[in-house]
């Protein structure tokens, strides 16, 4: 039975994706859906189901998936953007577009901390956050949505500052601990003020990452009670195992595992969350750009590593980078369901992978090949320039003008 949602508009951009071989929903409760057809109108999914149950008439864009796998667009929960598609960390241009070729369609800023001359006074940090929020709201390389404008809290901030930020459209705090506020009590107060006005917070976890940052141990993390335990596996230096396990056990907050962290600590976090039956708290980020560079395939690599070495089915690992993050970050993407953003990737097993299917290849540690990325119902890229070549590729079979 198809799942339907009504969508009404004077102008209809109607996408139909057919011949889907496997549909990954991004939802831990039902990671695989028995469906082969998806319909979206004006960038929102309106129907998912079997071809015989879905109304495919009036399509302005038809994609033949050719038996490939459709999954939600990947979400990178931890990036550090600065200005446009440039990063001063490696003086690199085009890094966001390159991540799109790794299947990443949404990014969450953990603070624009690499901005040269970053202001640390209250007036300056608020101005920079509002500027970043506005700029990245209007700038989407290849369609990638960047949720930015994440101020790093500093001593001297008061409740009214958080109210002002929220009123200006700021919804995120940068990593707590990268500024002058490094103690649990002060952090807790500011995190509470932010939460009061709808601003979500992330805390740095582990050893120092950039000049000016400091060790943030479990006691500070627990006292601060930020919404997301940022790079719980270190960025790059992880906390001792007992502290990581304590954070998993004593805090109810999101457990963010990053590419640019300690891989052993990442697997410990995953095992602990699994034992606690708290896999819904696990989200993924790259923590990039960083000293180790940019990682266009970082999220795919995390999915593959956690599945192959963490003994987690590939379809569950995909949820860590999609539906889990969408739910925790309050995004309209990340899940394949009516009403959600029509933003997804079409993937297949890489050529010559020893895995018999795309899921088996991921569970063996291989990366899938990306054949197409669709953002808001429009094709952003076809065959990825960064992933290994996919065995099968989807195809655009029809494009018509929008109907009114």
Protein backbone atom coordinates (compact mmCIF):
# COMPACT_ATOMS: atom_id res chain seq x y z
CA UNK A 1 0.00 0.00 0.00
CA UNK A 2 1.49 3.37 -1.00
CA UNK A 3 1.97 6.09 1.59
CA UNK A 4 0.38 9.34 0.38
CA UNK A 5 0.39 12.98 1.40
CA UNK A 6 -1.42 15.76 -0.43
CA UNK A 7 0.60 18.53 -2.04
CA UNK A 8 -1.09 21.51 -3.68
CA UNK A 9 0.57 24.29 -5.61
CA UNK A 10 -0.17 26.45 -8.61
CA UNK A 11 3.03 25.20 -10.23
CA UNK A 12 4.07 21.56 -9.95
CA UNK A 13 7.58 20.17 -10.30
CA UNK A 14 6.74 16.48 -10.15
CA UNK A 15 9.53 13.91 -9.75
CA UNK A 16 9.05 10.18 -10.20
CA UNK A 17 11.80 7.71 -9.32
CA UNK A 18 10.96 4.19 -10.48
CA UNK A 19 12.64 0.78 -10.57
CA UNK A 20 14.19 1.28 -7.12
CA UNK A 21 15.93 -1.95 -6.17
CA UNK A 22 16.20 -1.25 -2.43
CA UNK A 23 14.79 1.64 -0.43
CA UNK A 24 16.55 2.68 2.79
CA UNK A 25 14.34 4.95 4.89
CA UNK A 26 16.85 6.32 7.40
CA UNK A 27 14.46 5.27 10.18
CA UNK A 28 15.83 2.85 12.79
CA UNK A 29 12.34 1.47 13.39
CA UNK A 30 11.94 0.46 9.73
CA UNK A 31 15.26 0.92 7.92
CA UNK A 32 14.13 -0.91 4.77
CA UNK A 33 10.82 -0.25 3.03
CA UNK A 34 9.24 -2.62 0.52
CA UNK A 35 8.84 -0.05 -2.25
CA UNK A 36 10.09 0.52 -5.77
CA UNK A 37 8.62 3.91 -6.64
CA UNK A 38 8.80 7.40 -5.14
CA UNK A 39 6.95 10.57 -6.12
CA UNK A 40 7.76 14.12 -5.04
CA UNK A 41 6.02 17.40 -5.79
CA UNK A 42 7.75 20.76 -5.39
CA UNK A 43 10.64 19.23 -3.49
CA UNK A 44 8.58 17.21 -0.99
CA UNK A 45 7.92 13.48 -1.02
CA UNK A 46 4.23 12.79 -1.63
CA UNK A 47 4.14 9.03 -2.17
CA UNK A 48 6.35 5.99 -1.59
CA UNK A 49 5.25 2.49 -2.49
CA UNK A 50 4.82 -0.11 -5.18
CA UNK A 51 4.50 1.14 -8.75
CA UNK A 52 0.97 -0.24 -9.10
CA UNK A 53 -0.19 1.73 -6.04
CA UNK A 54 1.42 5.09 -6.86
CA UNK A 55 0.06 7.83 -9.12
CA UNK A 56 2.88 8.61 -11.53
CA UNK A 57 0.95 10.83 -13.93
CA UNK A 58 2.09 14.34 -14.80
CA UNK A 59 5.78 13.81 -14.03
CA UNK A 60 8.10 16.63 -15.06
CA UNK A 61 11.17 14.55 -14.22
CA UNK A 62 11.43 10.76 -14.36
CA UNK A 63 14.45 8.88 -13.03
CA UNK A 64 14.89 5.17 -13.72
CA UNK A 65 16.83 3.88 -10.71
CA UNK A 66 17.85 0.79 -12.70
CA UNK A 67 17.63 -1.40 -9.60
CA UNK A 68 19.96 0.77 -7.51
CA UNK A 69 19.42 1.68 -3.85
CA UNK A 70 17.71 4.90 -2.82
CA UNK A 71 18.65 6.35 0.58
CA UNK A 72 18.19 9.74 2.25
CA UNK A 73 20.84 12.35 1.53
CA UNK A 74 23.61 12.11 4.10
CA UNK A 75 23.90 14.69 6.89
CA UNK A 76 27.27 15.80 8.23
CA UNK A 77 26.54 16.79 11.83
CA UNK A 78 29.89 18.51 12.45
CA UNK A 79 31.56 20.91 10.02
CA UNK A 80 33.40 24.21 10.41
CA UNK A 81 32.51 26.43 7.44
CA UNK A 82 33.94 29.92 7.08
CA UNK A 83 33.03 31.80 3.90
CA UNK A 84 31.31 30.37 0.87
CA UNK A 85 32.90 27.21 -0.48
CA UNK A 86 36.38 28.11 0.81
CA UNK A 87 38.21 26.98 3.93
CA UNK A 88 41.37 28.60 5.28
CA UNK A 89 42.35 25.39 7.10
CA UNK A 90 43.85 23.99 3.90
CA UNK A 91 43.24 27.07 1.75
CA UNK A 92 40.90 24.95 -0.31
CA UNK A 93 38.08 26.05 -2.60
CA UNK A 94 35.18 23.79 -3.54
CA UNK A 95 35.16 21.53 -0.48
CA UNK A 96 31.38 21.65 0.02
CA UNK A 97 30.70 20.75 -3.60
CA UNK A 98 33.15 17.88 -3.22
CA UNK A 99 31.22 16.59 -0.19
CA UNK A 100 28.09 16.53 -2.35
CA UNK A 101 29.90 13.97 -4.47
CA UNK A 102 30.21 11.95 -1.26
CA UNK A 103 26.44 11.97 -0.81
CA UNK A 104 26.33 14.78 1.78
CA UNK A 105 23.34 17.04 1.17
CA UNK A 106 23.12 18.78 4.57
CA UNK A 107 25.76 20.16 6.93
CA UNK A 108 25.55 21.39 10.52
CA UNK A 109 28.05 24.01 11.65
CA UNK A 110 29.76 23.41 14.97
CA UNK A 111 31.10 26.95 14.82
CA UNK A 112 32.81 29.10 12.23
CA UNK A 113 35.94 28.90 14.37
CA UNK A 114 38.50 28.95 11.56
CA UNK A 115 37.46 32.43 10.44
CA UNK A 116 40.63 34.55 10.30
CA UNK A 117 40.49 37.16 13.04
CA UNK A 118 37.39 35.59 14.59
CA UNK A 119 35.93 38.16 17.03
CA UNK A 120 35.66 37.05 20.64
CA UNK A 121 33.90 40.05 22.14
CA UNK A 122 30.16 39.65 22.62
CA UNK A 123 29.10 42.22 20.02
CA UNK A 124 31.50 40.80 17.44
CA UNK A 125 30.66 37.14 17.95
CA UNK A 126 26.93 37.87 17.70
CA UNK A 127 27.43 39.87 14.51
CA UNK A 128 29.54 37.11 12.96
CA UNK A 129 26.98 34.44 13.84
CA UNK A 130 24.12 36.41 12.32
CA UNK A 131 26.17 37.12 9.20
CA UNK A 132 27.05 33.41 8.80
CA UNK A 133 23.45 32.36 9.33
CA UNK A 134 22.27 34.77 6.66
CA UNK A 135 25.05 34.03 4.19
CA UNK A 136 24.80 30.24 4.30
CA UNK A 137 21.01 30.34 4.22
CA UNK A 138 21.35 31.91 0.77
CA UNK A 139 24.38 29.95 -0.43
CA UNK A 140 23.93 26.29 -1.38
CA UNK A 141 26.74 24.83 -3.53
CA UNK A 142 25.15 22.15 -5.68
CA UNK A 143 22.07 22.39 -3.48
CA UNK A 144 23.84 21.41 -0.25
CA UNK A 145 22.06 23.02 2.70
CA UNK A 146 24.44 24.46 5.31
CA UNK A 147 22.99 25.22 8.73
CA UNK A 148 25.48 27.79 9.96
CA UNK A 149 25.82 30.78 12.22
CA UNK A 150 26.96 28.97 15.37
CA UNK A 151 28.59 31.36 17.85
CA UNK A 152 31.22 30.11 20.28
CA UNK A 153 30.19 31.24 23.76
CA UNK A 154 32.47 33.59 25.66
CA UNK A 155 32.53 35.02 29.18
CA UNK A 156 30.44 38.16 29.44
CA UNK A 157 27.41 36.81 27.57
CA UNK A 158 24.05 37.21 29.32
CA UNK A 159 20.58 35.82 28.75
CA UNK A 160 19.58 38.76 26.57
CA UNK A 161 22.37 37.90 24.12
CA UNK A 162 20.85 34.50 23.44
CA UNK A 163 17.42 36.06 23.05
CA UNK A 164 18.87 38.48 20.50
CA UNK A 165 20.59 35.69 18.58
CA UNK A 166 17.42 33.62 18.42
CA UNK A 167 15.36 36.60 17.29
CA UNK A 168 17.87 37.12 14.47
CA UNK A 169 17.46 33.52 13.26
CA UNK A 170 20.43 31.82 14.95
CA UNK A 171 19.53 28.24 15.94
CA UNK A 172 22.90 26.73 16.85
CA UNK A 173 25.77 27.22 19.27
CA UNK A 174 29.30 26.44 18.22
CA UNK A 175 31.31 23.93 20.23
CA UNK A 176 31.21 24.82 23.89
CA UNK A 177 34.81 24.83 25.11
CA UNK A 178 36.41 26.40 22.04
CA UNK A 179 35.98 29.84 23.58
CA UNK A 180 36.74 31.22 27.02
CA UNK A 181 33.89 29.31 28.71
CA UNK A 182 35.42 26.00 29.75
CA UNK A 183 33.87 25.26 33.15
CA UNK A 184 30.74 23.18 33.63
CA UNK A 185 28.75 25.67 35.73
CA UNK A 186 29.08 28.61 33.34
CA UNK A 187 28.54 26.38 30.32
CA UNK A 188 25.41 24.92 31.92
CA UNK A 189 23.92 28.36 32.46
CA UNK A 190 24.60 29.51 28.90
CA UNK A 191 23.39 26.23 27.38
CA UNK A 192 20.17 26.62 29.40
CA UNK A 193 19.71 30.17 28.11
CA UNK A 194 20.28 28.96 24.56
CA UNK A 195 17.81 26.09 24.98
CA UNK A 196 15.20 28.49 26.39
CA UNK A 197 15.25 30.41 23.11
CA UNK A 198 15.36 27.36 20.81
CA UNK A 199 19.11 27.35 20.15
CA UNK A 200 20.70 23.88 20.07
CA UNK A 201 24.13 23.35 21.60
CA UNK A 202 27.12 21.10 20.98
CA UNK A 203 30.06 20.63 23.34
CA UNK A 204 33.66 19.86 22.48
CA UNK A 205 34.74 16.54 23.98
CA UNK A 206 38.30 15.34 24.60
CA UNK A 207 41.67 16.98 24.21
CA UNK A 208 42.46 20.35 22.59
CA UNK A 209 41.92 20.58 18.85
CA UNK A 210 42.93 24.14 17.96
CA UNK A 211 45.04 26.79 19.74
CA UNK A 212 42.94 28.23 22.54
CA UNK A 213 40.89 25.10 23.12
CA UNK A 214 41.35 22.91 26.19
CA UNK A 215 40.63 19.47 27.57
CA UNK A 216 36.90 19.00 28.11
CA UNK A 217 36.41 15.89 30.25
CA UNK A 218 33.30 13.93 31.18
CA UNK A 219 32.58 15.99 34.30
CA UNK A 220 32.44 19.22 32.29
CA UNK A 221 30.36 17.56 29.56
CA UNK A 222 27.86 16.18 32.06
CA UNK A 223 27.65 19.48 33.94
CA UNK A 224 27.14 21.54 30.78
CA UNK A 225 24.39 19.22 29.51
CA UNK A 226 24.65 20.39 25.90
CA UNK A 227 22.24 18.85 23.39
CA UNK A 228 24.99 17.09 21.44
CA UNK A 229 28.13 15.49 22.88
CA UNK A 230 30.36 16.61 20.04
CA UNK A 231 32.97 14.20 18.69
CA UNK A 232 32.65 11.86 21.66
CA UNK A 233 35.46 9.87 20.06
CA UNK A 234 37.77 12.87 20.22
CA UNK A 235 38.58 15.62 17.82
CA UNK A 236 41.25 14.32 17.52
CA UNK A 237 42.23 13.16 21.03
CA UNK A 238 39.68 10.97 22.82
CA UNK A 239 38.85 10.73 26.51
CA UNK A 240 39.74 7.55 28.44
CA UNK A 241 37.43 4.59 27.80
CA UNK A 242 35.75 4.79 31.20
CA UNK A 243 34.84 8.44 30.62
CA UNK A 244 33.36 7.70 27.20
CA UNK A 245 31.28 4.88 28.66
CA UNK A 246 30.15 7.15 31.50
CA UNK A 247 28.94 9.77 29.01
CA UNK A 248 26.95 7.13 27.15
CA UNK A 249 25.44 5.83 30.38
CA UNK A 250 24.83 9.03 32.38
CA UNK A 251 23.82 11.54 29.72
CA UNK A 252 20.67 11.28 27.59
CA UNK A 253 22.14 13.53 24.91
CA UNK A 254 23.18 12.76 21.33
CA UNK A 255 26.43 10.84 20.84
CA UNK A 256 28.26 12.33 17.89
CA UNK A 257 30.94 10.11 16.32
CA UNK A 258 33.26 11.85 13.84
CA UNK A 259 35.59 10.85 11.06
CA UNK A 260 38.46 13.02 12.34
CA UNK A 261 38.51 11.32 15.72
CA UNK A 262 39.79 8.20 17.41
CA UNK A 263 38.48 5.11 15.59
CA UNK A 264 38.88 2.81 18.57
CA UNK A 265 36.89 5.26 20.70
CA UNK A 266 34.27 5.44 17.95
CA UNK A 267 33.76 1.68 18.09
CA UNK A 268 33.63 1.77 21.90
CA UNK A 269 30.92 4.43 21.74
CA UNK A 270 28.93 2.37 19.23
CA UNK A 271 29.20 -0.83 21.29
CA UNK A 272 28.19 0.97 24.47
CA UNK A 273 25.21 2.65 22.81
CA UNK A 274 24.20 -0.70 21.35
CA UNK A 275 24.40 -2.42 24.75
CA UNK A 276 22.32 0.37 26.27
CA UNK A 277 19.79 0.07 23.41
CA UNK A 278 20.44 3.72 22.61
CA UNK A 279 21.43 3.52 18.95
CA UNK A 280 18.91 6.30 18.28
CA UNK A 281 21.37 8.70 19.97
CA UNK A 282 24.23 7.97 17.54
CA UNK A 283 24.86 10.61 14.85
CA UNK A 284 27.79 11.13 12.50
CA UNK A 285 29.99 14.04 11.47
CA UNK A 286 33.38 14.60 9.93
CA UNK A 287 34.66 17.44 12.19
CA UNK A 288 36.12 19.08 9.13
CA UNK A 289 37.74 21.01 7.56
CA UNK A 290 40.54 20.36 9.98
CA UNK A 291 44.27 19.92 10.24
CA UNK A 292 43.84 16.53 8.60
CA UNK A 293 42.17 18.17 5.61
CA UNK A 294 38.72 17.78 4.13
CA UNK A 295 36.99 14.43 3.75
CA UNK A 296 34.44 14.35 0.91
CA UNK A 297 33.80 10.64 1.58
CA UNK A 298 34.07 10.97 5.35
CA UNK A 299 30.45 10.16 6.17
CA UNK A 300 30.41 7.20 3.79
CA UNK A 301 33.62 5.97 5.38
CA UNK A 302 32.07 6.23 8.85
CA UNK A 303 29.03 4.24 7.75
CA UNK A 304 31.25 1.55 6.29
CA UNK A 305 33.59 1.43 9.29
CA UNK A 306 30.85 1.26 11.91
CA UNK A 307 29.00 -1.40 9.95
CA UNK A 308 32.00 -3.59 9.15
CA UNK A 309 33.93 -3.27 12.42
CA UNK A 310 31.07 -2.43 14.78
CA UNK A 311 28.88 -5.39 13.79
CA UNK A 312 25.93 -3.21 12.82
CA UNK A 313 23.79 -3.94 9.72
CA UNK A 314 24.55 -1.48 6.94
CA UNK A 315 20.97 -0.24 6.80
CA UNK A 316 21.21 0.68 10.50
CA UNK A 317 24.54 2.46 10.03
CA UNK A 318 22.94 4.55 7.28
CA UNK A 319 20.37 5.75 9.84
CA UNK A 320 23.16 7.23 11.96
CA UNK A 321 23.96 9.66 9.13
CA UNK A 322 20.38 10.35 8.09
CA UNK A 323 17.25 9.84 10.20
CA UNK A 324 18.95 9.93 13.59
CA UNK A 325 20.60 13.24 12.81
CA UNK A 326 17.45 14.66 11.24
CA UNK A 327 15.41 13.87 14.35
CA UNK A 328 17.98 15.22 16.79
CA UNK A 329 18.73 18.31 14.68
CA UNK A 330 15.05 18.95 13.82
CA UNK A 331 15.56 18.81 10.05
CA UNK A 332 12.96 18.05 7.37
CA UNK A 333 15.33 15.77 5.44
CA UNK A 334 17.05 12.50 6.39
CA UNK A 335 13.98 10.26 6.19
CA UNK A 336 12.16 8.78 3.21
CA UNK A 337 8.52 9.44 4.03
CA UNK A 338 5.66 11.60 2.73
CA UNK A 339 6.06 15.24 3.71
CA UNK A 340 9.85 15.03 3.98
CA UNK A 341 12.30 16.79 1.68
CA UNK A 342 12.87 14.94 -1.58
CA UNK A 343 16.61 14.78 -0.97
CA UNK A 344 18.36 11.47 -1.47
CA UNK A 345 21.25 9.53 -2.97
CA UNK A 346 21.12 6.63 -5.37
CA UNK A 347 23.89 4.14 -4.67
CA UNK A 348 25.03 0.68 -5.71
CA UNK A 349 27.82 -1.73 -4.83
CA UNK A 350 31.16 -0.57 -6.16
CA UNK A 351 32.43 -2.38 -9.21
CA UNK A 352 34.28 -5.58 -8.23
CA UNK A 353 33.33 -5.36 -4.57
CA UNK A 354 33.29 -8.82 -2.98
CA UNK A 355 29.91 -8.02 -1.42
CA UNK A 356 27.04 -9.50 -3.41
CA UNK A 357 24.79 -6.49 -2.73
CA UNK A 358 25.26 -2.88 -1.73
CA UNK A 359 24.49 -3.70 1.91
CA UNK A 360 26.86 -6.66 1.96
CA UNK A 361 29.60 -4.58 0.37
CA UNK A 362 29.25 -1.89 3.06
CA UNK A 363 29.29 -4.54 5.79
CA UNK A 364 32.53 -5.84 4.30
CA UNK A 365 34.08 -2.39 4.61
CA UNK A 366 33.74 -1.18 1.02
CA UNK A 367 32.32 2.18 0.01
CA UNK A 368 29.30 2.21 -2.30
CA UNK A 369 29.35 4.03 -5.61
CA UNK A 370 27.07 7.04 -5.98
CA UNK A 371 25.15 7.21 -9.24
CA UNK A 372 23.00 10.26 -8.55
CA UNK A 373 22.19 12.84 -5.88
CA UNK A 374 18.79 14.52 -5.83
CA UNK A 375 18.19 17.62 -3.69
CA UNK A 376 14.71 19.06 -3.16
CA UNK A 377 13.37 17.01 -6.04
CA UNK A 378 16.00 18.12 -8.56
CA UNK A 379 19.03 16.20 -9.81
CA UNK A 380 22.16 17.90 -8.42
CA UNK A 381 24.77 15.48 -9.73
CA UNK A 382 24.82 12.24 -11.63
CA UNK A 383 27.77 9.86 -11.34
CA UNK A 384 30.02 10.91 -8.45
CA UNK A 385 33.54 11.99 -9.25
CA UNK A 386 34.74 10.85 -5.81
CA UNK A 387 33.29 7.44 -5.00
CA UNK A 388 34.35 4.19 -6.63
CA UNK A 389 32.31 3.59 -9.79
CA UNK A 390 28.97 1.95 -9.10
CA UNK A 391 28.03 -1.33 -10.73
CA UNK A 392 24.73 0.12 -11.98
CA UNK A 393 23.76 3.73 -12.62
CA UNK A 394 20.36 5.42 -12.53
CA UNK A 395 19.24 7.32 -15.59
CA UNK A 396 17.16 10.40 -16.31
CA UNK A 397 14.59 9.14 -18.80
CA UNK A 398 12.32 12.15 -19.15
CA UNK A 399 12.37 15.86 -18.38
CA UNK A 400 9.37 18.07 -19.13
CA UNK A 401 8.50 21.67 -18.41
CA UNK A 402 6.63 22.31 -15.17
CA UNK A 403 2.86 22.29 -15.44
CA UNK A 404 0.64 24.96 -13.96
